[in-house]
Amino acid sequence: MTMTDPIADFLTRIRNAVMAGKDRVDVPASRLKLELTKILKEEGFIRTFKVLEEGPQGTIRLYLRYSPEGEPAIHGIERVSRPGRRVYMGVDELPSVRRGIGIAVVSTSKGLMTDARARELRVGGEVMCKVW
């Protein structure tokens, strides 16, 4: 059976692992998911990740980040643009997530990047998800 929205599945796996207090989560690999994972690491939402060469497409293992008190770094993660309803925004329309505490991941002509980086480069695109 084919999956209609692999990015929503990726985000849901992370959300469920955070809610269950897991230390790590495995997701099927793809180039887009790997770029999204790199952004989550750069922004400090996950500790690190590994790409495992198992199965037909490989697996990305994400190690989730928690504070010393056990508070997760990811409080919320939400899909914005879906296969049934694509959401495109110009540079001046890009959302500010939780007044700058969170990030919006935008797919632009220059690659996947955060909303702040897209504003800096003056490019708009498809708003993939929000993380806070």
N, C-alpha and C. Protein backbone atom coordinates (compact mmCIF):
# COMPACT_ATOMS: atom_id res chain seq x y z
N MET A 1 0.84 -1.19 0.00
CA MET A 1 0.00 0.00 0.00
C MET A 1 0.88 1.25 0.00
N THR A 2 0.57 2.19 -0.86
CA THR A 2 1.37 3.41 -0.94
C THR A 2 0.85 4.44 0.07
N MET A 3 1.76 5.27 0.51
CA MET A 3 1.41 6.30 1.47
C MET A 3 1.14 7.60 0.71
N THR A 4 0.03 8.28 1.00
CA THR A 4 -0.30 9.49 0.27
C THR A 4 0.45 10.72 0.78
N ASP A 5 0.81 10.73 2.06
CA ASP A 5 1.50 11.89 2.61
C ASP A 5 2.64 11.45 3.54
N PRO A 6 3.82 11.15 2.99
CA PRO A 6 4.93 10.69 3.83
C PRO A 6 5.43 11.73 4.83
N ILE A 7 5.29 13.02 4.51
CA ILE A 7 5.74 14.07 5.43
C ILE A 7 4.83 14.10 6.67
N ALA A 8 3.53 13.95 6.48
CA ALA A 8 2.60 13.90 7.62
C ALA A 8 2.92 12.68 8.49
N ASP A 9 3.26 11.56 7.86
CA ASP A 9 3.65 10.36 8.61
C ASP A 9 4.91 10.62 9.42
N PHE A 10 5.90 11.28 8.81
CA PHE A 10 7.16 11.64 9.47
C PHE A 10 6.88 12.49 10.71
N LEU A 11 6.06 13.54 10.54
CA LEU A 11 5.75 14.45 11.65
C LEU A 11 4.94 13.73 12.74
N THR A 12 4.03 12.86 12.35
CA THR A 12 3.22 12.13 13.32
C THR A 12 4.08 11.17 14.13
N ARG A 13 5.03 10.51 13.51
CA ARG A 13 5.93 9.62 14.24
C ARG A 13 6.72 10.39 15.29
N ILE A 14 7.20 11.58 14.92
CA ILE A 14 7.95 12.42 15.87
C ILE A 14 7.02 12.86 17.00
N ARG A 15 5.83 13.36 16.67
CA ARG A 15 4.87 13.82 17.67
C ARG A 15 4.52 12.70 18.66
N ASN A 16 4.26 11.50 18.15
CA ASN A 16 3.91 10.37 19.00
C ASN A 16 5.07 9.97 19.91
N ALA A 17 6.30 9.98 19.39
CA ALA A 17 7.48 9.63 20.19
C ALA A 17 7.70 10.64 21.31
N VAL A 18 7.50 11.92 21.02
CA VAL A 18 7.65 12.97 22.04
C VAL A 18 6.59 12.80 23.12
N MET A 19 5.34 12.55 22.70
CA MET A 19 4.26 12.38 23.68
C MET A 19 4.46 11.14 24.55
N ALA A 20 5.10 10.11 24.01
CA ALA A 20 5.36 8.89 24.77
C ALA A 20 6.66 8.97 25.56
N GLY A 21 7.41 10.06 25.40
CA GLY A 21 8.66 10.24 26.13
C GLY A 21 9.80 9.38 25.63
N LYS A 22 9.76 8.97 24.37
CA LYS A 22 10.80 8.12 23.80
C LYS A 22 12.08 8.92 23.57
N ASP A 23 13.21 8.21 23.58
CA ASP A 23 14.52 8.82 23.37
C ASP A 23 14.83 8.96 21.88
N ARG A 24 14.29 8.04 21.07
CA ARG A 24 14.57 8.07 19.63
C ARG A 24 13.37 7.57 18.85
N VAL A 25 13.38 7.88 17.55
CA VAL A 25 12.31 7.43 16.66
C VAL A 25 12.92 7.11 15.30
N ASP A 26 12.45 6.03 14.67
CA ASP A 26 12.92 5.64 13.34
C ASP A 26 11.85 5.96 12.31
N VAL A 27 12.27 6.54 11.18
CA VAL A 27 11.35 6.85 10.09
C VAL A 27 11.96 6.38 8.77
N PRO A 28 11.14 5.96 7.82
CA PRO A 28 11.67 5.59 6.50
C PRO A 28 12.36 6.80 5.86
N ALA A 29 13.47 6.56 5.22
CA ALA A 29 14.29 7.65 4.68
C ALA A 29 13.81 8.12 3.30
N SER A 30 14.02 9.41 3.04
CA SER A 30 13.88 10.01 1.72
C SER A 30 14.72 11.29 1.74
N ARG A 31 15.00 11.85 0.59
CA ARG A 31 15.81 13.08 0.55
C ARG A 31 15.11 14.23 1.26
N LEU A 32 13.80 14.37 1.05
CA LEU A 32 13.04 15.45 1.67
C LEU A 32 13.03 15.31 3.20
N LYS A 33 12.81 14.10 3.69
CA LYS A 33 12.81 13.86 5.15
C LYS A 33 14.19 14.12 5.74
N LEU A 34 15.25 13.78 4.99
CA LEU A 34 16.60 14.02 5.48
C LEU A 34 16.87 15.53 5.59
N GLU A 35 16.43 16.30 4.61
CA GLU A 35 16.59 17.76 4.68
C GLU A 35 15.80 18.35 5.84
N LEU A 36 14.59 17.84 6.05
CA LEU A 36 13.75 18.29 7.17
C LEU A 36 14.41 17.94 8.50
N THR A 37 15.02 16.77 8.58
CA THR A 37 15.73 16.34 9.79
C THR A 37 16.93 17.25 10.06
N LYS A 38 17.66 17.63 9.02
CA LYS A 38 18.81 18.52 9.18
C LYS A 38 18.38 19.87 9.74
N ILE A 39 17.24 20.38 9.26
CA ILE A 39 16.72 21.65 9.77
C ILE A 39 16.33 21.52 11.25
N LEU A 40 15.68 20.42 11.62
CA LEU A 40 15.30 20.20 13.02
C LEU A 40 16.54 20.15 13.91
N LYS A 41 17.64 19.56 13.42
CA LYS A 41 18.88 19.51 14.20
C LYS A 41 19.51 20.89 14.31
N GLU A 42 19.59 21.62 13.21
CA GLU A 42 20.18 22.96 13.22
C GLU A 42 19.43 23.90 14.17
N GLU A 43 18.13 23.75 14.25
CA GLU A 43 17.31 24.62 15.08
C GLU A 43 17.21 24.13 16.53
N GLY A 44 17.83 22.99 16.84
CA GLY A 44 17.89 22.51 18.22
C GLY A 44 16.68 21.73 18.70
N PHE A 45 15.86 21.23 17.79
CA PHE A 45 14.69 20.46 18.19
C PHE A 45 15.02 18.98 18.42
N ILE A 46 16.09 18.48 17.81
CA ILE A 46 16.54 17.11 18.06
C ILE A 46 18.03 17.15 18.39
N ARG A 47 18.51 16.11 19.11
CA ARG A 47 19.93 16.07 19.47
C ARG A 47 20.79 15.75 18.26
N THR A 48 20.50 14.65 17.61
CA THR A 48 21.26 14.22 16.45
C THR A 48 20.44 13.21 15.66
N PHE A 49 21.01 12.71 14.58
CA PHE A 49 20.33 11.70 13.77
C PHE A 49 21.36 10.84 13.06
N LYS A 50 20.92 9.65 12.65
CA LYS A 50 21.76 8.73 11.88
C LYS A 50 20.96 8.23 10.70
N VAL A 51 21.63 8.00 9.60
CA VAL A 51 20.98 7.37 8.44
C VAL A 51 21.44 5.92 8.42
N LEU A 52 20.49 5.01 8.59
CA LEU A 52 20.79 3.58 8.62
C LEU A 52 20.48 2.98 7.26
N GLU A 53 21.38 2.16 6.74
CA GLU A 53 21.19 1.53 5.43
C GLU A 53 20.53 0.17 5.62
N GLU A 54 19.28 0.16 6.04
CA GLU A 54 18.55 -1.10 6.22
C GLU A 54 17.25 -1.01 5.44
N GLY A 55 16.84 -2.11 4.88
CA GLY A 55 15.61 -2.12 4.09
C GLY A 55 15.86 -1.55 2.71
N PRO A 56 14.81 -1.46 1.91
CA PRO A 56 14.97 -1.01 0.52
C PRO A 56 15.34 0.47 0.39
N GLN A 57 14.89 1.31 1.31
CA GLN A 57 15.15 2.75 1.17
C GLN A 57 15.97 3.33 2.30
N GLY A 58 16.25 2.56 3.32
CA GLY A 58 17.00 3.06 4.46
C GLY A 58 16.08 3.65 5.52
N THR A 59 16.67 4.01 6.65
CA THR A 59 15.92 4.54 7.78
C THR A 59 16.68 5.72 8.36
N ILE A 60 15.94 6.71 8.81
CA ILE A 60 16.54 7.84 9.54
C ILE A 60 16.18 7.64 11.01
N ARG A 61 17.19 7.59 11.86
CA ARG A 61 16.96 7.46 13.31
C ARG A 61 17.21 8.83 13.95
N LEU A 62 16.16 9.42 14.50
CA LEU A 62 16.25 10.72 15.15
C LEU A 62 16.33 10.53 16.66
N TYR A 63 17.28 11.21 17.29
CA TYR A 63 17.40 11.18 18.75
C TYR A 63 16.80 12.48 19.28
N LEU A 64 15.71 12.34 20.00
CA LEU A 64 14.95 13.50 20.47
C LEU A 64 15.67 14.21 21.60
N ARG A 65 15.40 15.49 21.74
CA ARG A 65 16.07 16.32 22.73
C ARG A 65 15.11 16.66 23.87
N TYR A 66 15.60 16.51 25.10
CA TYR A 66 14.84 16.85 26.29
C TYR A 66 15.70 17.70 27.21
N SER A 67 15.07 18.52 28.04
CA SER A 67 15.80 19.31 29.03
C SER A 67 16.19 18.38 30.20
N PRO A 68 17.06 18.83 31.11
CA PRO A 68 17.40 18.00 32.27
C PRO A 68 16.18 17.64 33.13
N GLU A 69 15.14 18.47 33.08
CA GLU A 69 13.92 18.20 33.84
C GLU A 69 12.98 17.25 33.10
N GLY A 70 13.33 16.86 31.88
CA GLY A 70 12.51 15.95 31.10
C GLY A 70 11.52 16.64 30.17
N GLU A 71 11.64 17.94 30.01
CA GLU A 71 10.76 18.71 29.13
C GLU A 71 11.22 18.56 27.68
N PRO A 72 10.34 18.15 26.76
CA PRO A 72 10.77 17.96 25.36
C PRO A 72 11.05 19.30 24.67
N ALA A 73 11.99 19.28 23.73
CA ALA A 73 12.30 20.47 22.94
C ALA A 73 11.16 20.76 21.96
N ILE A 74 10.47 19.72 21.50
CA ILE A 74 9.35 19.88 20.57
C ILE A 74 8.05 19.86 21.38
N HIS A 75 7.39 21.01 21.44
CA HIS A 75 6.10 21.09 22.14
C HIS A 75 4.94 20.86 21.19
N GLY A 76 5.14 21.20 19.94
CA GLY A 76 4.10 21.00 18.94
C GLY A 76 4.72 20.90 17.56
N ILE A 77 4.10 20.09 16.71
CA ILE A 77 4.58 19.92 15.34
C ILE A 77 3.34 19.70 14.49
N GLU A 78 3.19 20.50 13.43
CA GLU A 78 1.93 20.50 12.68
C GLU A 78 2.19 20.63 11.18
N ARG A 79 1.50 19.84 10.41
CA ARG A 79 1.59 19.88 8.94
C ARG A 79 0.74 21.04 8.44
N VAL A 80 1.25 21.85 7.54
CA VAL A 80 0.50 22.98 7.00
C VAL A 80 0.00 22.65 5.59
N SER A 81 0.92 22.44 4.67
CA SER A 81 0.56 22.13 3.29
C SER A 81 0.38 20.62 3.15
N ARG A 82 -0.76 20.21 2.63
CA ARG A 82 -1.06 18.79 2.48
C ARG A 82 -1.28 18.48 1.00
N PRO A 83 -1.30 17.19 0.63
CA PRO A 83 -1.54 16.86 -0.79
C PRO A 83 -2.88 17.38 -1.30
N GLY A 84 -3.88 17.42 -0.46
CA GLY A 84 -5.20 17.90 -0.88
C GLY A 84 -5.35 19.40 -0.85
N ARG A 85 -4.45 20.09 -0.15
CA ARG A 85 -4.53 21.54 -0.02
C ARG A 85 -3.12 22.10 0.15
N ARG A 86 -2.52 22.48 -0.95
CA ARG A 86 -1.18 23.05 -0.92
C ARG A 86 -1.25 24.50 -0.45
N VAL A 87 -0.30 24.91 0.39
CA VAL A 87 -0.27 26.27 0.92
C VAL A 87 1.03 26.93 0.48
N TYR A 88 0.89 27.91 -0.41
CA TYR A 88 2.04 28.68 -0.91
C TYR A 88 1.93 30.10 -0.38
N MET A 89 3.07 30.67 0.01
CA MET A 89 3.09 32.04 0.52
C MET A 89 4.28 32.80 -0.04
N GLY A 90 4.05 34.07 -0.27
CA GLY A 90 5.13 34.95 -0.68
C GLY A 90 5.99 35.30 0.52
N VAL A 91 7.11 35.94 0.28
CA VAL A 91 8.05 36.26 1.35
C VAL A 91 7.41 37.15 2.43
N ASP A 92 6.52 38.05 2.03
CA ASP A 92 5.89 38.96 2.99
C ASP A 92 4.73 38.31 3.75
N GLU A 93 4.29 37.14 3.30
CA GLU A 93 3.16 36.45 3.95
C GLU A 93 3.61 35.33 4.87
N LEU A 94 4.90 34.98 4.88
CA LEU A 94 5.38 33.84 5.67
C LEU A 94 5.01 33.98 7.13
N PRO A 95 4.51 32.90 7.74
CA PRO A 95 4.04 32.98 9.13
C PRO A 95 5.18 33.05 10.14
N SER A 96 4.92 33.74 11.24
CA SER A 96 5.82 33.75 12.38
C SER A 96 5.21 32.80 13.40
N VAL A 97 5.90 31.73 13.72
CA VAL A 97 5.35 30.69 14.59
C VAL A 97 5.61 31.04 16.05
N ARG A 98 4.54 31.17 16.81
CA ARG A 98 4.61 31.50 18.25
C ARG A 98 5.50 32.71 18.51
N ARG A 99 5.31 33.73 17.69
CA ARG A 99 6.06 34.99 17.78
C ARG A 99 7.57 34.80 17.79
N GLY A 100 8.03 33.88 16.93
CA GLY A 100 9.46 33.67 16.76
C GLY A 100 10.04 32.55 17.60
N ILE A 101 9.27 31.95 18.49
CA ILE A 101 9.78 30.84 19.31
C ILE A 101 9.92 29.58 18.46
N GLY A 102 8.98 29.37 17.56
CA GLY A 102 9.02 28.20 16.69
C GLY A 102 9.50 28.55 15.29
N ILE A 103 9.44 27.55 14.42
CA ILE A 103 9.86 27.75 13.03
C ILE A 103 8.79 27.21 12.09
N ALA A 104 8.76 27.78 10.90
CA ALA A 104 7.98 27.21 9.80
C ALA A 104 8.99 26.73 8.78
N VAL A 105 8.82 25.53 8.27
CA VAL A 105 9.73 25.00 7.25
C VAL A 105 9.10 25.26 5.89
N VAL A 106 9.87 25.92 5.01
CA VAL A 106 9.36 26.34 3.72
C VAL A 106 10.18 25.67 2.61
N SER A 107 9.47 25.13 1.62
CA SER A 107 10.12 24.55 0.44
C SER A 107 10.16 25.64 -0.62
N THR A 108 11.35 26.11 -0.94
CA THR A 108 11.52 27.20 -1.89
C THR A 108 12.27 26.72 -3.13
N SER A 109 12.44 27.61 -4.07
CA SER A 109 13.22 27.28 -5.27
C SER A 109 14.70 27.11 -4.92
N LYS A 110 15.11 27.58 -3.75
CA LYS A 110 16.50 27.45 -3.30
C LYS A 110 16.67 26.33 -2.27
N GLY A 111 15.65 25.48 -2.15
CA GLY A 111 15.73 24.35 -1.23
C GLY A 111 14.85 24.53 -0.01
N LEU A 112 14.91 23.56 0.89
CA LEU A 112 14.13 23.58 2.13
C LEU A 112 14.84 24.47 3.14
N MET A 113 14.10 25.36 3.81
CA MET A 113 14.71 26.26 4.78
C MET A 113 13.66 26.75 5.77
N THR A 114 14.12 27.41 6.83
CA THR A 114 13.21 27.97 7.82
C THR A 114 12.60 29.26 7.29
N ASP A 115 11.53 29.71 7.95
CA ASP A 115 10.88 30.95 7.54
C ASP A 115 11.83 32.15 7.67
N ALA A 116 12.66 32.16 8.71
CA ALA A 116 13.60 33.27 8.92
C ALA A 116 14.63 33.33 7.78
N ARG A 117 15.13 32.18 7.40
CA ARG A 117 16.11 32.12 6.29
C ARG A 117 15.46 32.53 4.97
N ALA A 118 14.20 32.13 4.75
CA ALA A 118 13.49 32.50 3.52
C ALA A 118 13.28 34.01 3.46
N ARG A 119 12.97 34.62 4.61
CA ARG A 119 12.81 36.09 4.65
C ARG A 119 14.15 36.77 4.34
N GLU A 120 15.22 36.21 4.88
CA GLU A 120 16.56 36.74 4.66
C GLU A 120 16.94 36.70 3.19
N LEU A 121 16.61 35.59 2.51
CA LEU A 121 16.92 35.44 1.09
C LEU A 121 15.84 36.03 0.18
N ARG A 122 14.76 36.54 0.79
CA ARG A 122 13.64 37.15 0.05
C ARG A 122 13.00 36.19 -0.94
N VAL A 123 12.69 34.95 -0.47
CA VAL A 123 12.00 33.97 -1.30
C VAL A 123 10.80 33.41 -0.54
N GLY A 124 9.76 33.10 -1.28
CA GLY A 124 8.58 32.46 -0.71
C GLY A 124 8.53 31.02 -1.19
N GLY A 125 7.45 30.34 -0.85
CA GLY A 125 7.33 28.95 -1.31
C GLY A 125 6.21 28.23 -0.59
N GLU A 126 6.30 26.91 -0.60
CA GLU A 126 5.28 26.07 0.03
C GLU A 126 5.62 25.88 1.50
N VAL A 127 4.70 26.22 2.38
CA VAL A 127 4.91 26.08 3.83
C VAL A 127 4.63 24.63 4.19
N MET A 128 5.68 23.87 4.49
CA MET A 128 5.54 22.44 4.75
C MET A 128 4.95 22.15 6.13
N CYS A 129 5.56 22.74 7.18
CA CYS A 129 5.11 22.46 8.55
C CYS A 129 5.55 23.55 9.49
N LYS A 130 4.99 23.49 10.70
CA LYS A 130 5.38 24.39 11.79
C LYS A 130 5.85 23.55 12.97
N VAL A 131 6.91 24.00 13.63
CA VAL A 131 7.44 23.31 14.80
C VAL A 131 7.69 24.34 15.90
N TRP A 132 7.25 24.02 17.12
CA TRP A 132 7.52 24.92 18.25
C TRP A 132 7.76 24.11 19.50
